[in-house]
Amino acid sequence: MRRILFALCATLVMTLSATAAKASEYTDMDICMGRQLLARVLCKDPMEINFVAKVKDSIYLFSVFYARQEARFVVGISSDTVRIQGKEFLKLTRTISYTFDKTSKCGVANYSNSECINREPVVCCSEKTEEEKMDQKFWDRPIPDLLEEDLRKALDSLPPEDAPPSPDRNDDQGGDGQDGTGQDGNARQNDVMFN
C-alpha cells in the first residue's frame, strides 16, 4: 500500500512539474494564490490553510484540517493556471485559470464554489521591491510638499549670501578685489565717491 501511495505521489509531483513549466519569480504571490484558491475549493477560511513548504519551483505544499483529519495538498502554479491536488484525497483535483498583470504584479482568479458564499475574485499581489516602495512613498505625498522639497534642495546648493567671495572669483578690477592694503578696492572706491 505504501508503494502505491508513493508511486501516486511521485506521479503527482511529476505532473505538477510539467504543468509548472516556468518558475515564478513571485513566490509570495504564488503562496497567496495557492492558499486563497485552496481555501475557496475547500470552502474554508484562508487563515485555516497552512503553508508547509516549497517542494520545487512553483510547487507548494499546504496543510489543513479537512474531513476530520489533517490533510495535505500540493499546489502547482504556472503562468496562467493553478492546479490543486490532494495527497490523501486524490479525487480532489482542480485546475483553475488566472490572469497575471505584470505592471501591478497581481494575479486574479475567478473561482467560486457552489457551497461557499464568497464569490469575489481572488486577488493576490507580489510584494513591492524597496525601490517601488520608495517611488510609491514619493508620489503619495501632496504636490506642495514635493515643490517645497525641491526648493529647499535648490537653496541648499547655493552659497550663503553673507559668505566671503571665493578666491577664484574675478571682479571688474581684474583681480581678487583686494588692492594690497587689506581693504576691498571696490569698497574704498565707493568711500571716495561719497566723500
N, C-alpha and C. Protein backbone atom coordinates (compact mmCIF):
# COMPACT_ATOMS: atom_id res chain seq x y z
N MET A 1 0.82 -1.19 0.00
CA MET A 1 0.00 0.00 0.00
C MET A 1 0.87 1.26 0.00
N ARG A 2 1.96 1.23 0.77
CA ARG A 2 2.86 2.39 0.82
C ARG A 2 3.50 2.64 -0.54
N ARG A 3 3.86 1.56 -1.23
CA ARG A 3 4.50 1.72 -2.54
C ARG A 3 3.53 2.36 -3.54
N ILE A 4 2.28 1.96 -3.46
CA ILE A 4 1.28 2.53 -4.37
C ILE A 4 1.10 4.01 -4.07
N LEU A 5 1.01 4.34 -2.77
CA LEU A 5 0.86 5.73 -2.37
C LEU A 5 2.08 6.55 -2.80
N PHE A 6 3.25 5.99 -2.63
CA PHE A 6 4.48 6.69 -3.05
C PHE A 6 4.50 6.88 -4.56
N ALA A 7 4.10 5.88 -5.31
CA ALA A 7 4.07 5.99 -6.77
C ALA A 7 3.06 7.05 -7.21
N LEU A 8 1.91 7.08 -6.55
CA LEU A 8 0.92 8.10 -6.88
C LEU A 8 1.43 9.51 -6.57
N CYS A 9 2.10 9.67 -5.43
CA CYS A 9 2.65 10.98 -5.07
C CYS A 9 3.75 11.40 -6.04
N ALA A 10 4.58 10.44 -6.44
CA ALA A 10 5.65 10.76 -7.40
C ALA A 10 5.04 11.16 -8.74
N THR A 11 4.00 10.45 -9.17
CA THR A 11 3.32 10.81 -10.41
C THR A 11 2.69 12.19 -10.30
N LEU A 12 2.11 12.48 -9.15
CA LEU A 12 1.51 13.78 -8.92
C LEU A 12 2.55 14.90 -9.03
N VAL A 13 3.67 14.71 -8.40
CA VAL A 13 4.73 15.73 -8.44
C VAL A 13 5.24 15.91 -9.86
N MET A 14 5.41 14.82 -10.60
CA MET A 14 5.86 14.93 -12.00
C MET A 14 4.83 15.64 -12.86
N THR A 15 3.56 15.36 -12.62
CA THR A 15 2.50 16.01 -13.38
C THR A 15 2.48 17.50 -13.09
N LEU A 16 2.58 17.84 -11.82
CA LEU A 16 2.59 19.25 -11.47
C LEU A 16 3.84 19.95 -11.96
N SER A 17 4.97 19.25 -12.01
CA SER A 17 6.19 19.87 -12.52
C SER A 17 6.05 20.15 -14.01
N ALA A 18 5.39 19.27 -14.73
CA ALA A 18 5.19 19.51 -16.15
C ALA A 18 4.24 20.68 -16.36
N THR A 19 3.27 20.82 -15.47
CA THR A 19 2.33 21.93 -15.57
C THR A 19 3.04 23.25 -15.28
N ALA A 20 3.87 23.27 -14.27
CA ALA A 20 4.57 24.49 -13.90
C ALA A 20 5.87 24.56 -14.67
N ALA A 21 5.76 24.82 -15.94
CA ALA A 21 6.92 24.81 -16.81
C ALA A 21 7.89 25.94 -16.51
N LYS A 22 7.37 27.07 -16.13
CA LYS A 22 8.22 28.23 -15.90
C LYS A 22 8.18 28.58 -14.43
N ALA A 23 9.35 28.70 -13.81
CA ALA A 23 9.40 29.05 -12.40
C ALA A 23 9.00 30.51 -12.22
N SER A 24 8.17 30.73 -11.24
CA SER A 24 7.70 32.09 -11.00
C SER A 24 8.71 32.83 -10.14
N GLU A 25 8.89 34.10 -10.43
CA GLU A 25 9.76 34.92 -9.61
C GLU A 25 8.97 35.61 -8.51
N TYR A 26 7.67 35.35 -8.46
CA TYR A 26 6.80 35.96 -7.47
C TYR A 26 6.31 34.90 -6.48
N THR A 27 7.21 34.37 -5.69
CA THR A 27 6.89 33.29 -4.76
C THR A 27 5.82 33.70 -3.77
N ASP A 28 5.92 34.91 -3.23
CA ASP A 28 4.94 35.36 -2.26
C ASP A 28 3.53 35.43 -2.86
N MET A 29 3.44 35.85 -4.12
CA MET A 29 2.14 35.88 -4.79
C MET A 29 1.63 34.46 -5.03
N ASP A 30 2.54 33.55 -5.41
CA ASP A 30 2.15 32.16 -5.65
C ASP A 30 1.60 31.52 -4.38
N ILE A 31 2.26 31.76 -3.26
CA ILE A 31 1.80 31.18 -1.99
C ILE A 31 0.44 31.76 -1.61
N CYS A 32 0.28 33.04 -1.78
CA CYS A 32 -1.02 33.68 -1.50
C CYS A 32 -2.11 33.10 -2.40
N MET A 33 -1.81 32.98 -3.70
CA MET A 33 -2.79 32.45 -4.66
C MET A 33 -3.14 31.00 -4.31
N GLY A 34 -2.15 30.19 -3.97
CA GLY A 34 -2.40 28.81 -3.60
C GLY A 34 -3.26 28.71 -2.35
N ARG A 35 -2.94 29.51 -1.34
CA ARG A 35 -3.70 29.49 -0.09
C ARG A 35 -5.15 29.94 -0.32
N GLN A 36 -5.31 31.04 -1.05
CA GLN A 36 -6.66 31.58 -1.28
C GLN A 36 -7.53 30.63 -2.10
N LEU A 37 -6.95 30.07 -3.16
CA LEU A 37 -7.74 29.16 -4.01
C LEU A 37 -8.02 27.84 -3.31
N LEU A 38 -7.07 27.32 -2.56
CA LEU A 38 -7.33 26.08 -1.80
C LEU A 38 -8.44 26.33 -0.78
N ALA A 39 -8.41 27.48 -0.13
CA ALA A 39 -9.48 27.81 0.82
C ALA A 39 -10.82 27.90 0.10
N ARG A 40 -10.82 28.45 -1.10
CA ARG A 40 -12.06 28.57 -1.87
C ARG A 40 -12.56 27.19 -2.30
N VAL A 41 -11.66 26.30 -2.71
CA VAL A 41 -12.05 24.94 -3.13
C VAL A 41 -12.64 24.17 -1.95
N LEU A 42 -12.01 24.29 -0.79
CA LEU A 42 -12.45 23.55 0.39
C LEU A 42 -13.53 24.28 1.18
N CYS A 43 -13.87 25.50 0.78
CA CYS A 43 -14.85 26.32 1.47
C CYS A 43 -14.41 26.57 2.91
N LYS A 44 -13.16 26.98 3.04
CA LYS A 44 -12.57 27.27 4.35
C LYS A 44 -12.10 28.71 4.38
N ASP A 45 -11.79 29.19 5.57
CA ASP A 45 -11.17 30.50 5.74
C ASP A 45 -9.69 30.37 5.35
N PRO A 46 -9.14 31.32 4.58
CA PRO A 46 -7.73 31.21 4.20
C PRO A 46 -6.77 31.14 5.39
N MET A 47 -7.20 31.66 6.54
CA MET A 47 -6.34 31.60 7.73
C MET A 47 -6.20 30.17 8.25
N GLU A 48 -7.08 29.27 7.86
CA GLU A 48 -7.01 27.88 8.28
C GLU A 48 -6.04 27.07 7.43
N ILE A 49 -5.63 27.61 6.30
CA ILE A 49 -4.71 26.92 5.39
C ILE A 49 -3.29 27.26 5.80
N ASN A 50 -2.48 26.25 6.04
CA ASN A 50 -1.10 26.44 6.47
C ASN A 50 -0.13 26.13 5.34
N PHE A 51 0.75 27.07 5.07
CA PHE A 51 1.82 26.82 4.10
C PHE A 51 2.87 25.97 4.79
N VAL A 52 3.24 24.84 4.16
CA VAL A 52 4.20 23.91 4.77
C VAL A 52 5.58 24.10 4.16
N ALA A 53 5.67 23.97 2.82
CA ALA A 53 6.98 24.03 2.20
C ALA A 53 6.86 24.29 0.71
N LYS A 54 7.98 24.72 0.16
CA LYS A 54 8.10 24.84 -1.29
C LYS A 54 8.77 23.55 -1.76
N VAL A 55 8.03 22.74 -2.50
CA VAL A 55 8.53 21.44 -2.93
C VAL A 55 9.56 21.60 -4.04
N LYS A 56 9.20 22.35 -5.06
CA LYS A 56 10.06 22.67 -6.20
C LYS A 56 9.67 24.06 -6.66
N ASP A 57 10.28 24.51 -7.74
CA ASP A 57 9.89 25.79 -8.29
C ASP A 57 8.41 25.75 -8.67
N SER A 58 7.65 26.67 -8.11
CA SER A 58 6.21 26.83 -8.39
C SER A 58 5.35 25.66 -7.91
N ILE A 59 5.85 24.82 -7.03
CA ILE A 59 5.07 23.73 -6.44
C ILE A 59 5.16 23.87 -4.92
N TYR A 60 4.00 23.96 -4.28
CA TYR A 60 3.94 24.25 -2.85
C TYR A 60 3.08 23.22 -2.13
N LEU A 61 3.40 22.98 -0.87
CA LEU A 61 2.67 22.03 -0.04
C LEU A 61 1.94 22.81 1.04
N PHE A 62 0.64 22.55 1.18
CA PHE A 62 -0.20 23.19 2.19
C PHE A 62 -0.85 22.11 3.04
N SER A 63 -1.19 22.46 4.27
CA SER A 63 -1.93 21.52 5.12
C SER A 63 -3.14 22.25 5.70
N VAL A 64 -4.19 21.45 5.96
CA VAL A 64 -5.43 22.00 6.51
C VAL A 64 -6.19 20.86 7.19
N PHE A 65 -6.97 21.21 8.18
CA PHE A 65 -7.83 20.22 8.81
C PHE A 65 -9.07 20.06 7.93
N TYR A 66 -9.20 18.87 7.31
CA TYR A 66 -10.26 18.63 6.34
C TYR A 66 -10.78 17.21 6.51
N ALA A 67 -12.09 17.04 6.52
CA ALA A 67 -12.74 15.73 6.66
C ALA A 67 -12.26 15.00 7.92
N ARG A 68 -12.26 15.71 9.02
CA ARG A 68 -11.91 15.19 10.35
C ARG A 68 -10.46 14.69 10.47
N GLN A 69 -9.58 15.20 9.64
CA GLN A 69 -8.16 14.83 9.77
C GLN A 69 -7.29 15.92 9.14
N GLU A 70 -6.03 15.88 9.47
CA GLU A 70 -5.08 16.81 8.86
C GLU A 70 -4.79 16.32 7.45
N ALA A 71 -5.02 17.16 6.49
CA ALA A 71 -4.83 16.76 5.09
C ALA A 71 -3.81 17.69 4.45
N ARG A 72 -3.04 17.13 3.51
CA ARG A 72 -2.04 17.91 2.77
C ARG A 72 -2.46 18.03 1.32
N PHE A 73 -2.16 19.18 0.76
CA PHE A 73 -2.49 19.46 -0.63
C PHE A 73 -1.28 20.04 -1.33
N VAL A 74 -1.08 19.59 -2.56
CA VAL A 74 0.00 20.10 -3.39
C VAL A 74 -0.62 21.10 -4.37
N VAL A 75 -0.01 22.27 -4.46
CA VAL A 75 -0.50 23.31 -5.35
C VAL A 75 0.63 23.67 -6.32
N GLY A 76 0.35 23.52 -7.60
CA GLY A 76 1.31 23.88 -8.65
C GLY A 76 0.80 25.10 -9.39
N ILE A 77 1.69 26.07 -9.57
CA ILE A 77 1.28 27.32 -10.21
C ILE A 77 2.14 27.55 -11.44
N SER A 78 1.47 27.69 -12.57
CA SER A 78 2.18 28.01 -13.82
C SER A 78 1.87 29.45 -14.18
N SER A 79 2.19 29.84 -15.39
CA SER A 79 1.99 31.23 -15.79
C SER A 79 0.53 31.63 -15.91
N ASP A 80 -0.38 30.66 -16.10
CA ASP A 80 -1.79 31.03 -16.23
C ASP A 80 -2.76 30.06 -15.56
N THR A 81 -2.27 29.02 -14.90
CA THR A 81 -3.16 28.08 -14.21
C THR A 81 -2.62 27.72 -12.83
N VAL A 82 -3.56 27.34 -11.97
CA VAL A 82 -3.23 26.82 -10.64
C VAL A 82 -3.84 25.44 -10.57
N ARG A 83 -3.03 24.46 -10.23
CA ARG A 83 -3.51 23.08 -10.12
C ARG A 83 -3.41 22.64 -8.67
N ILE A 84 -4.53 22.18 -8.12
CA ILE A 84 -4.62 21.75 -6.73
C ILE A 84 -4.89 20.26 -6.71
N GLN A 85 -4.09 19.53 -5.94
CA GLN A 85 -4.24 18.07 -5.83
C GLN A 85 -4.09 17.68 -4.37
N GLY A 86 -5.05 16.90 -3.86
CA GLY A 86 -4.96 16.41 -2.50
C GLY A 86 -4.03 15.21 -2.44
N LYS A 87 -3.20 15.15 -1.39
CA LYS A 87 -2.31 13.99 -1.25
C LYS A 87 -3.08 12.80 -0.68
N GLU A 88 -3.95 13.06 0.31
CA GLU A 88 -4.77 11.99 0.88
C GLU A 88 -6.07 11.82 0.11
N PHE A 89 -6.54 12.89 -0.48
CA PHE A 89 -7.79 12.88 -1.23
C PHE A 89 -7.46 13.08 -2.70
N LEU A 90 -7.06 12.03 -3.36
CA LEU A 90 -6.58 12.13 -4.74
C LEU A 90 -7.68 12.53 -5.71
N LYS A 91 -8.93 12.27 -5.34
CA LYS A 91 -10.03 12.66 -6.24
C LYS A 91 -10.27 14.16 -6.22
N LEU A 92 -9.76 14.83 -5.18
CA LEU A 92 -9.93 16.27 -5.09
C LEU A 92 -8.83 16.94 -5.91
N THR A 93 -9.14 17.21 -7.15
CA THR A 93 -8.20 17.85 -8.08
C THR A 93 -8.93 18.97 -8.80
N ARG A 94 -8.31 20.13 -8.82
CA ARG A 94 -8.88 21.27 -9.53
C ARG A 94 -7.79 21.95 -10.33
N THR A 95 -8.16 22.40 -11.52
CA THR A 95 -7.28 23.23 -12.33
C THR A 95 -8.03 24.54 -12.57
N ILE A 96 -7.46 25.62 -12.09
CA ILE A 96 -8.12 26.93 -12.11
C ILE A 96 -7.23 27.89 -12.90
N SER A 97 -7.83 28.57 -13.85
CA SER A 97 -7.05 29.55 -14.62
C SER A 97 -7.08 30.90 -13.92
N TYR A 98 -6.01 31.66 -14.12
CA TYR A 98 -5.92 33.00 -13.57
C TYR A 98 -5.15 33.89 -14.53
N THR A 99 -5.28 35.18 -14.33
CA THR A 99 -4.55 36.13 -15.16
C THR A 99 -3.55 36.87 -14.27
N PHE A 100 -2.42 37.24 -14.89
CA PHE A 100 -1.36 37.93 -14.15
C PHE A 100 -1.05 39.25 -14.85
N ASP A 101 -1.07 40.33 -14.08
CA ASP A 101 -0.76 41.65 -14.61
C ASP A 101 0.66 42.00 -14.17
N LYS A 102 1.57 42.12 -15.14
CA LYS A 102 2.98 42.36 -14.80
C LYS A 102 3.22 43.76 -14.24
N THR A 103 2.43 44.74 -14.65
CA THR A 103 2.68 46.09 -14.15
C THR A 103 2.32 46.21 -12.67
N SER A 104 1.21 45.64 -12.26
CA SER A 104 0.82 45.70 -10.84
C SER A 104 1.35 44.51 -10.06
N LYS A 105 1.89 43.50 -10.74
CA LYS A 105 2.39 42.27 -10.13
C LYS A 105 1.30 41.58 -9.31
N CYS A 106 0.11 41.49 -9.89
CA CYS A 106 -1.03 40.87 -9.21
C CYS A 106 -1.63 39.78 -10.08
N GLY A 107 -2.05 38.71 -9.43
CA GLY A 107 -2.78 37.63 -10.10
C GLY A 107 -4.24 37.68 -9.69
N VAL A 108 -5.14 37.44 -10.64
CA VAL A 108 -6.58 37.47 -10.37
C VAL A 108 -7.19 36.17 -10.89
N ALA A 109 -7.90 35.47 -10.01
CA ALA A 109 -8.58 34.23 -10.38
C ALA A 109 -10.06 34.37 -10.06
N ASN A 110 -10.89 33.99 -10.99
CA ASN A 110 -12.33 33.97 -10.78
C ASN A 110 -12.76 32.53 -10.58
N TYR A 111 -12.90 32.14 -9.32
CA TYR A 111 -13.32 30.78 -8.99
C TYR A 111 -14.31 30.86 -7.85
N SER A 112 -15.41 30.14 -8.00
CA SER A 112 -16.37 30.09 -6.91
C SER A 112 -16.85 28.65 -6.73
N ASN A 113 -17.08 28.33 -5.50
CA ASN A 113 -17.59 27.02 -5.12
C ASN A 113 -19.07 27.20 -4.80
N SER A 114 -19.91 26.34 -5.33
CA SER A 114 -21.36 26.50 -5.13
C SER A 114 -21.74 26.37 -3.65
N GLU A 115 -20.91 25.73 -2.85
CA GLU A 115 -21.21 25.54 -1.44
C GLU A 115 -20.78 26.72 -0.59
N CYS A 116 -19.99 27.63 -1.15
CA CYS A 116 -19.46 28.76 -0.39
C CYS A 116 -20.18 30.05 -0.77
N ILE A 117 -20.26 30.94 0.19
CA ILE A 117 -20.93 32.21 -0.07
C ILE A 117 -19.98 33.23 -0.70
N ASN A 118 -18.70 33.05 -0.55
CA ASN A 118 -17.72 34.00 -1.09
C ASN A 118 -17.53 33.77 -2.58
N ARG A 119 -17.94 34.73 -3.39
CA ARG A 119 -17.82 34.59 -4.84
C ARG A 119 -16.98 35.70 -5.47
N GLU A 120 -16.32 36.48 -4.66
CA GLU A 120 -15.47 37.55 -5.17
C GLU A 120 -14.23 36.96 -5.84
N PRO A 121 -13.64 37.69 -6.79
CA PRO A 121 -12.40 37.19 -7.40
C PRO A 121 -11.28 37.13 -6.37
N VAL A 122 -10.40 36.17 -6.56
CA VAL A 122 -9.22 36.04 -5.70
C VAL A 122 -8.13 36.91 -6.29
N VAL A 123 -7.63 37.86 -5.51
CA VAL A 123 -6.58 38.76 -5.97
C VAL A 123 -5.40 38.64 -5.02
N CYS A 124 -4.23 38.32 -5.57
CA CYS A 124 -3.01 38.24 -4.80
C CYS A 124 -1.93 39.03 -5.52
N CYS A 125 -1.21 39.85 -4.77
CA CYS A 125 -0.16 40.68 -5.36
C CYS A 125 1.18 40.34 -4.72
N SER A 126 2.21 40.49 -5.51
CA SER A 126 3.56 40.27 -5.03
C SER A 126 4.01 41.49 -4.24
N GLU A 127 4.87 41.28 -3.27
CA GLU A 127 5.39 42.41 -2.51
C GLU A 127 6.24 43.29 -3.40
N LYS A 128 6.20 44.57 -3.13
CA LYS A 128 6.96 45.52 -3.93
C LYS A 128 8.42 45.54 -3.47
N THR A 129 9.30 45.84 -4.41
CA THR A 129 10.72 45.98 -4.07
C THR A 129 10.91 47.28 -3.30
N GLU A 130 12.08 47.45 -2.69
CA GLU A 130 12.36 48.67 -1.94
C GLU A 130 12.27 49.90 -2.84
N GLU A 131 12.75 49.77 -4.06
CA GLU A 131 12.71 50.89 -5.00
C GLU A 131 11.26 51.27 -5.32
N GLU A 132 10.41 50.28 -5.52
CA GLU A 132 8.99 50.55 -5.79
C GLU A 132 8.31 51.17 -4.58
N LYS A 133 8.68 50.72 -3.38
CA LYS A 133 8.11 51.30 -2.17
C LYS A 133 8.51 52.76 -2.02
N MET A 134 9.79 53.07 -2.29
CA MET A 134 10.26 54.45 -2.20
C MET A 134 9.56 55.32 -3.24
N ASP A 135 9.40 54.79 -4.45
CA ASP A 135 8.73 55.54 -5.51
C ASP A 135 7.28 55.80 -5.13
N GLN A 136 6.60 54.80 -4.59
CA GLN A 136 5.21 54.96 -4.17
C GLN A 136 5.11 55.97 -3.03
N LYS A 137 6.06 55.90 -2.09
CA LYS A 137 6.07 56.83 -0.96
C LYS A 137 6.26 58.26 -1.46
N PHE A 138 7.11 58.42 -2.47
CA PHE A 138 7.37 59.73 -3.04
C PHE A 138 6.10 60.31 -3.66
N TRP A 139 5.40 59.52 -4.47
CA TRP A 139 4.24 60.04 -5.20
C TRP A 139 2.99 60.10 -4.34
N ASP A 140 2.99 59.51 -3.16
CA ASP A 140 1.84 59.60 -2.28
C ASP A 140 1.78 60.92 -1.51
N ARG A 141 2.85 61.70 -1.58
CA ARG A 141 2.91 62.97 -0.87
C ARG A 141 2.19 64.07 -1.66
N PRO A 142 1.67 65.10 -0.97
CA PRO A 142 1.00 66.21 -1.66
C PRO A 142 2.00 67.00 -2.51
N ILE A 143 1.50 67.60 -3.58
CA ILE A 143 2.36 68.34 -4.51
C ILE A 143 3.05 69.52 -3.84
N PRO A 144 2.39 70.31 -2.97
CA PRO A 144 3.11 71.41 -2.32
C PRO A 144 4.33 70.93 -1.52
N ASP A 145 4.22 69.76 -0.89
CA ASP A 145 5.38 69.21 -0.17
C ASP A 145 6.50 68.87 -1.13
N LEU A 146 6.17 68.30 -2.29
CA LEU A 146 7.20 67.98 -3.28
C LEU A 146 7.89 69.24 -3.79
N LEU A 147 7.10 70.29 -4.06
CA LEU A 147 7.67 71.55 -4.53
C LEU A 147 8.55 72.20 -3.46
N GLU A 148 8.11 72.16 -2.22
CA GLU A 148 8.89 72.72 -1.12
C GLU A 148 10.22 71.98 -0.97
N GLU A 149 10.17 70.66 -1.10
CA GLU A 149 11.40 69.87 -1.01
C GLU A 149 12.38 70.23 -2.13
N ASP A 150 11.85 70.40 -3.36
CA ASP A 150 12.72 70.79 -4.48
C ASP A 150 13.32 72.18 -4.25
N LEU A 151 12.53 73.12 -3.74
CA LEU A 151 13.03 74.46 -3.47
C LEU A 151 14.11 74.42 -2.39
N ARG A 152 13.90 73.65 -1.36
CA ARG A 152 14.88 73.52 -0.28
C ARG A 152 16.19 72.95 -0.81
N LYS A 153 16.12 71.95 -1.66
CA LYS A 153 17.33 71.37 -2.24
C LYS A 153 18.07 72.39 -3.09
N ALA A 154 17.31 73.18 -3.89
CA ALA A 154 17.94 74.19 -4.74
C ALA A 154 18.60 75.28 -3.91
N LEU A 155 17.94 75.71 -2.83
CA LEU A 155 18.52 76.75 -1.98
C LEU A 155 19.72 76.24 -1.19
N ASP A 156 19.70 74.99 -0.82
CA ASP A 156 20.84 74.42 -0.09
C ASP A 156 22.07 74.31 -0.98
N SER A 157 21.87 74.17 -2.28
CA SER A 157 23.01 74.04 -3.18
C SER A 157 23.67 75.40 -3.48
N LEU A 158 22.97 76.53 -3.21
CA LEU A 158 23.53 77.86 -3.43
C LEU A 158 24.43 78.24 -2.25
N PRO A 159 25.49 79.06 -2.49
CA PRO A 159 26.32 79.51 -1.37
C PRO A 159 25.55 80.56 -0.55
N PRO A 160 25.85 80.67 0.74
CA PRO A 160 25.16 81.66 1.58
C PRO A 160 25.43 83.09 1.08
N GLU A 161 24.48 84.01 1.33
CA GLU A 161 24.61 85.38 0.86
C GLU A 161 25.73 86.14 1.56
N ASP A 162 25.94 85.91 2.85
CA ASP A 162 26.95 86.65 3.60
C ASP A 162 28.32 85.98 3.59
N ALA A 163 28.52 85.00 2.78
CA ALA A 163 29.81 84.31 2.70
C ALA A 163 30.80 85.18 1.94
N PRO A 164 32.10 85.13 2.31
CA PRO A 164 33.11 85.89 1.58
C PRO A 164 33.24 85.35 0.17
N PRO A 165 33.64 86.19 -0.78
CA PRO A 165 33.78 85.72 -2.15
C PRO A 165 34.87 84.67 -2.24
N SER A 166 34.67 83.76 -3.14
CA SER A 166 35.65 82.69 -3.31
C SER A 166 36.92 83.25 -3.94
N PRO A 167 38.10 82.67 -3.65
CA PRO A 167 39.36 83.20 -4.16
C PRO A 167 39.48 83.13 -5.67
N ASP A 168 38.77 82.31 -6.34
CA ASP A 168 38.89 82.21 -7.78
C ASP A 168 37.95 83.16 -8.51
N ARG A 169 37.28 84.03 -7.77
CA ARG A 169 36.33 84.95 -8.36
C ARG A 169 37.06 86.16 -8.97
N ASN A 170 36.68 86.56 -10.15
CA ASN A 170 37.25 87.74 -10.81
C ASN A 170 36.26 88.87 -10.75
N ASP A 171 36.70 90.03 -10.23
CA ASP A 171 35.85 91.21 -10.17
C ASP A 171 36.10 92.09 -11.38
N ASP A 172 35.44 93.26 -11.42
CA ASP A 172 35.59 94.18 -12.54
C ASP A 172 37.00 94.75 -12.62
N GLN A 173 37.73 94.83 -11.50
CA GLN A 173 39.05 95.43 -11.49
C GLN A 173 40.12 94.44 -11.90
N GLY A 174 39.73 93.23 -12.23
CA GLY A 174 40.67 92.27 -12.75
C GLY A 174 41.51 91.62 -11.70
N GLY A 175 41.15 91.42 -10.60
CA GLY A 175 41.95 90.72 -9.59
C GLY A 175 41.02 90.04 -8.64
N ASP A 176 41.51 89.93 -7.42
CA ASP A 176 40.69 89.28 -6.41
C ASP A 176 39.87 90.28 -5.62
N GLY A 177 39.87 91.56 -6.05
CA GLY A 177 39.12 92.58 -5.34
C GLY A 177 39.92 93.24 -4.25
N GLN A 178 41.10 92.75 -3.94
CA GLN A 178 41.96 93.31 -2.90
C GLN A 178 42.99 94.22 -3.56
N ASP A 179 43.31 95.34 -2.93
CA ASP A 179 44.28 96.26 -3.52
C ASP A 179 45.61 96.25 -2.79
N GLY A 180 45.84 95.26 -2.00
CA GLY A 180 47.11 95.13 -1.30
C GLY A 180 47.09 95.78 0.06
N THR A 181 46.09 96.58 0.39
CA THR A 181 46.02 97.23 1.69
C THR A 181 45.15 96.43 2.67
N GLY A 182 44.63 95.35 2.20
CA GLY A 182 43.75 94.55 3.06
C GLY A 182 42.32 95.00 2.97
N GLN A 183 42.05 96.05 2.19
CA GLN A 183 40.68 96.52 2.02
C GLN A 183 40.20 96.12 0.64
N ASP A 184 38.95 96.04 0.55
CA ASP A 184 38.34 95.74 -0.74
C ASP A 184 38.44 97.00 -1.60
N GLY A 185 38.98 96.87 -2.81
CA GLY A 185 39.16 98.01 -3.70
C GLY A 185 37.84 98.67 -4.05
N ASN A 186 36.82 97.88 -4.24
CA ASN A 186 35.50 98.43 -4.58
C ASN A 186 34.94 99.23 -3.42
N ALA A 187 35.12 98.77 -2.22
CA ALA A 187 34.60 99.49 -1.05
C ALA A 187 35.33 100.81 -0.88
N ARG A 188 36.67 100.82 -1.10
CA ARG A 188 37.43 102.05 -0.97
C ARG A 188 37.02 103.05 -2.04
N GLN A 189 36.75 102.58 -3.25
CA GLN A 189 36.33 103.46 -4.32
C GLN A 189 34.98 104.09 -4.00
N ASN A 190 34.07 103.31 -3.40
CA ASN A 190 32.78 103.84 -3.01
C ASN A 190 32.93 104.92 -1.93
N ASP A 191 33.86 104.73 -0.99
CA ASP A 191 34.09 105.73 0.05
C ASP A 191 34.58 107.03 -0.55
N VAL A 192 35.43 106.95 -1.57
CA VAL A 192 35.98 108.14 -2.22
C VAL A 192 34.88 108.89 -2.95
N MET A 193 33.97 108.15 -3.59
CA MET A 193 32.93 108.80 -4.37
C MET A 193 31.94 109.56 -3.48
N PHE A 194 31.66 109.07 -2.31
CA PHE A 194 30.67 109.72 -1.46
C PHE A 194 31.28 110.77 -0.54
N ASN A 195 32.61 110.92 -0.48
CA ASN A 195 33.24 111.93 0.38
C ASN A 195 33.47 113.20 -0.34
